[in-house]
Protein backbone atom coordinates (compact mmCIF):
# COMPACT_ATOMS: atom_id res chain seq x y z
CA UNK A 1 0.00 0.00 0.00
CA UNK A 2 2.78 2.40 0.91
CA UNK A 3 4.56 1.79 -2.40
CA UNK A 4 1.45 2.60 -4.45
CA UNK A 5 0.73 5.68 -2.32
CA UNK A 6 4.29 6.92 -2.91
CA UNK A 7 4.04 6.19 -6.63
CA UNK A 8 0.80 8.11 -6.86
CA UNK A 9 2.40 11.05 -5.08
CA UNK A 10 5.08 11.03 -7.77
CA UNK A 11 2.76 10.76 -10.81
CA UNK A 12 -0.17 12.84 -9.52
CA UNK A 13 1.26 15.05 -6.78
CA UNK A 14 -1.31 13.85 -4.21
CA UNK A 15 -2.73 10.71 -2.68
CA UNK A 16 -6.45 10.07 -3.05
CA UNK A 17 -8.85 7.14 -3.32
CA UNK A 18 -11.33 8.99 -5.53
CA UNK A 19 -11.37 8.93 -9.33
CA UNK A 20 -13.53 12.04 -9.61
CA UNK A 21 -12.39 14.30 -12.44
CA UNK A 22 -9.99 11.70 -13.85
CA UNK A 23 -10.21 10.14 -17.30
CA UNK A 24 -8.46 7.04 -18.50
CA UNK A 25 -6.85 8.71 -21.55
CA UNK A 26 -5.06 11.45 -19.62
CA UNK A 27 -4.70 9.97 -16.11
CA UNK A 28 -4.04 6.28 -16.66
CA UNK A 29 -1.13 6.02 -14.19
CA UNK A 30 -2.96 7.74 -11.30
CA UNK A 31 -6.04 5.57 -11.99
CA UNK A 32 -3.94 2.43 -11.77
CA UNK A 33 -2.49 3.62 -8.46
CA UNK A 34 -5.97 4.38 -7.12
CA UNK A 35 -7.21 0.96 -8.23
CA UNK A 36 -4.28 -0.74 -6.49
CA UNK A 37 -4.77 1.30 -3.30
CA UNK A 38 -8.52 0.63 -3.16
CA UNK A 39 -8.17 -3.08 -3.83
CA UNK A 40 -5.25 -3.56 -1.46
CA UNK A 41 -7.12 -1.80 1.35
CA UNK A 42 -10.27 -3.81 0.64
CA UNK A 43 -8.41 -7.12 0.53
CA UNK A 44 -6.49 -6.22 3.70
CA UNK A 45 -9.64 -5.45 5.67
CA UNK A 46 -11.49 -8.45 4.23
CA UNK A 47 -8.58 -10.78 4.95
CA UNK A 48 -8.01 -9.58 8.53
CA UNK A 49 -11.61 -9.01 9.71
CA UNK A 50 -13.67 -11.78 8.07
CA UNK A 51 -13.38 -15.20 9.82
CA UNK A 52 -13.94 -17.31 6.71
CA UNK A 53 -11.49 -20.09 5.91
CA UNK A 54 -8.73 -19.79 4.65
CA UNK A 55 -8.44 -16.05 5.27
CA UNK A 56 -5.91 -14.85 7.84
CA UNK A 57 -8.67 -13.90 10.28
CA UNK A 58 -9.88 -17.52 10.36
CA UNK A 59 -6.34 -18.75 11.00
CA UNK A 60 -5.96 -16.30 13.88
CA UNK A 61 -9.23 -17.62 15.33
CA UNK A 62 -8.07 -21.23 14.93
CA UNK A 63 -4.70 -20.46 16.54
CA UNK A 64 -6.46 -18.81 19.46
CA UNK A 65 -8.75 -21.82 19.91
CA UNK A 66 -5.83 -24.24 19.77
CA UNK A 67 -3.89 -22.21 22.31
CA UNK A 68 -7.01 -22.19 24.49
CA UNK A 69 -7.03 -25.97 24.64
CA UNK A 70 -9.41 -26.88 21.81
CA UNK A 71 -8.79 -30.10 19.93
CA UNK A 72 -7.86 -29.57 16.25
CA UNK A 73 -11.11 -31.21 15.11
CA UNK A 74 -13.21 -28.96 17.34
CA UNK A 75 -11.33 -25.83 16.20
CA UNK A 76 -11.84 -26.83 12.56
CA UNK A 77 -15.55 -27.39 13.19
CA UNK A 78 -15.90 -23.92 14.72
CA UNK A 79 -14.25 -22.18 11.77
CA UNK A 80 -16.25 -24.20 9.23
CA UNK A 81 -19.52 -23.24 10.93
CA UNK A 82 -18.47 -19.58 11.13
CA UNK A 83 -17.61 -19.60 7.41
CA UNK A 84 -21.07 -20.76 6.31
CA UNK A 85 -23.03 -17.53 7.08
CA UNK A 86 -20.24 -15.46 5.54
CA UNK A 87 -20.42 -17.51 2.35
CA UNK A 88 -24.22 -17.12 2.28
CA UNK A 89 -23.83 -13.34 2.65
CA UNK A 90 -21.20 -13.26 -0.09
CA UNK A 91 -23.48 -15.22 -2.42
CA UNK A 92 -26.29 -12.79 -1.66
CA UNK A 93 -23.96 -9.89 -2.44
CA UNK A 94 -23.04 -11.58 -5.71
CA UNK A 95 -26.69 -11.95 -6.70
CA UNK A 96 -27.43 -8.32 -5.79
CA UNK A 97 -24.41 -7.00 -7.72
CA UNK A 98 -25.36 -9.12 -10.74
CA UNK A 99 -28.95 -7.84 -10.72
CA UNK A 100 -27.65 -4.29 -10.33
CA UNK A 101 -25.31 -4.80 -13.31
CA UNK A 102 -22.33 -3.95 -11.11
CA UNK A 103 -18.89 -4.54 -12.58
CA UNK A 104 -17.74 -6.44 -9.46
CA UNK A 105 -20.41 -9.14 -9.81
CA UNK A 106 -18.05 -11.66 -11.40
CA UNK A 107 -15.40 -10.88 -8.79
CA UNK A 108 -17.83 -11.61 -5.95
CA UNK A 109 -18.87 -14.89 -7.57
CA UNK A 110 -15.26 -16.04 -8.03
CA UNK A 111 -14.39 -15.12 -4.46
CA UNK A 112 -17.43 -16.91 -3.06
CA UNK A 113 -16.71 -20.07 -5.08
CA UNK A 114 -13.04 -20.14 -4.05
CA UNK A 115 -13.79 -19.62 -0.34
CA UNK A 116 -16.56 -22.24 -0.46
CA UNK A 117 -14.21 -24.78 -2.03
CA UNK A 118 -11.52 -24.17 0.59
CA UNK A 119 -14.06 -24.43 3.43
CA UNK A 120 -15.49 -27.65 1.98
CA UNK A 121 -11.99 -29.15 1.72
CA UNK A 122 -11.33 -28.31 5.37
CA UNK A 123 -14.63 -29.86 6.42
CA UNK A 124 -13.85 -33.03 4.46
CA UNK A 125 -10.39 -33.22 6.02
CA UNK A 126 -11.98 -32.83 9.47
CA UNK A 127 -14.47 -35.64 8.83
CA UNK A 128 -11.81 -37.94 7.42
CA UNK A 129 -9.33 -37.21 10.20
CA UNK A 130 -6.84 -35.69 7.77
CA UNK A 131 -6.42 -32.21 9.27
CA UNK A 132 -2.65 -32.67 9.23
CA UNK A 133 -2.80 -31.79 5.51
CA UNK A 134 -3.23 -28.14 6.56
CA UNK A 135 0.00 -26.63 7.95
CA UNK A 136 -1.78 -24.85 10.80
CA UNK A 137 -3.42 -28.01 12.12
CA UNK A 138 -0.35 -30.10 11.29
CA UNK A 139 1.74 -28.06 13.71
CA UNK A 140 -0.77 -28.56 16.52
CA UNK A 141 -1.28 -32.26 15.83
CA UNK A 142 2.45 -32.82 15.42
CA UNK A 143 3.13 -31.20 18.78
CA UNK A 144 0.47 -33.34 20.42
CA UNK A 145 1.87 -36.58 19.00
CA UNK A 146 5.49 -35.69 19.70
CA UNK A 147 5.03 -35.64 23.48
CA UNK A 148 3.80 -39.27 23.84
CA UNK A 149 6.45 -40.45 21.39
CA UNK A 150 9.25 -38.78 23.34
CA UNK A 151 7.99 -40.07 26.68
CA UNK A 152 7.74 -43.58 25.25
CA UNK A 153 11.29 -43.34 23.99
CA UNK A 154 12.54 -42.25 27.40
CA UNK A 155 10.63 -44.98 29.23
CA UNK A 156 11.68 -47.68 26.78
CA UNK A 157 15.27 -47.39 27.91
CA UNK A 158 18.04 -49.06 25.96
CA UNK A 159 20.80 -47.43 24.07
CA UNK A 160 19.82 -48.44 20.57
CA UNK A 161 20.48 -45.74 18.03
CA UNK A 162 17.58 -44.87 15.71
CA UNK A 163 18.74 -42.32 13.14
CA UNK A 164 15.27 -41.60 11.73
CA UNK A 165 13.34 -41.75 15.01
CA UNK A 166 11.03 -38.83 15.74
CA UNK A 167 10.48 -37.63 12.19
CA UNK A 168 9.97 -38.78 8.65
CA UNK A 169 12.78 -38.56 6.13
CA UNK A 170 12.39 -38.47 2.37
CA UNK A 171 15.13 -39.81 0.14
CA UNK A 172 15.42 -39.03 -3.52
CA UNK A 173 13.49 -36.39 -5.41
CA UNK A 174 11.41 -34.07 -3.25
CA UNK A 175 7.67 -34.05 -3.72
CA UNK A 176 6.13 -31.15 -5.53
CA UNK A 177 4.80 -28.47 -3.19
CA UNK A 178 1.04 -27.81 -3.30
CA UNK A 179 -0.25 -24.72 -5.01
CA UNK A 180 -0.17 -21.58 -2.88
CA UNK A 181 -3.66 -20.18 -2.17
CA UNK A 182 -2.17 -16.68 -2.44
CA UNK A 183 -1.94 -17.23 -6.21
CA UNK A 184 -5.73 -17.39 -6.31
CA UNK A 185 -5.98 -14.20 -4.26
CA UNK A 186 -3.53 -12.53 -6.63
CA UNK A 187 -5.64 -13.52 -9.63
CA UNK A 188 -8.76 -12.13 -7.97
CA UNK A 189 -6.90 -8.92 -7.16
CA UNK A 190 -5.76 -8.52 -10.75
CA UNK A 191 -9.35 -9.01 -11.93
CA UNK A 192 -10.55 -6.40 -9.45
CA UNK A 193 -8.02 -3.88 -10.75
CA UNK A 194 -9.16 -4.43 -14.33
CA UNK A 195 -12.80 -4.01 -13.32
CA UNK A 196 -12.06 -0.82 -11.38
CA UNK A 197 -10.18 0.83 -14.24
CA UNK A 198 -12.79 -0.27 -16.77
CA UNK A 199 -15.44 1.77 -14.94
CA UNK A 200 -13.61 5.01 -15.72
CA UNK A 201 -14.60 6.49 -19.07
CA UNK A 202 -12.76 8.51 -21.65
CA UNK A 203 -12.57 12.26 -21.36
CA UNK A 204 -15.25 14.30 -23.22
CA UNK A 205 -12.58 15.79 -25.47
CA UNK A 206 -11.43 12.34 -26.58
CA UNK A 207 -14.97 11.13 -27.24
């Protein structure tokens, strides 16, 4: 956000979030900066204040629940249930924006579908006992399983050396890392920028 604000100060001499009085043919650079500022601020607030999985707010809630003594399955159930009304509201917003012929209608639909898919995957992992597939829950479940393993090793006695005890080791070619969800957010952000700029018309002189 700070970079785009500084860039706008350079190209326009001021920082604003309004496009009033600007036209795409003579103020393209400032309009791009405004679009980036608006979308970055919106995504920041949405990401930090909306507890819908897998947004950062939901991960903060899950971390708080885990630190408070919740089991990983119970914490996942709480965040799945809190995501449902948010998804319903986002779908309603998508329908309203579509009926109002708003340019952000497709953006709202894509965002709702992506969040719903991620929430459904988490719910399926919870039901199948596979929450360790998510890094946040894997850390909590790994810490819980490490304590009994270490106590068993201490009580077992013996001086046998086990080079791979306490953790899995992979030999050979490393497995391909899963796709980063931030790529999806970046694609949505790029679409939002295009939609924002497209709403600004040409100047009367050019038309």
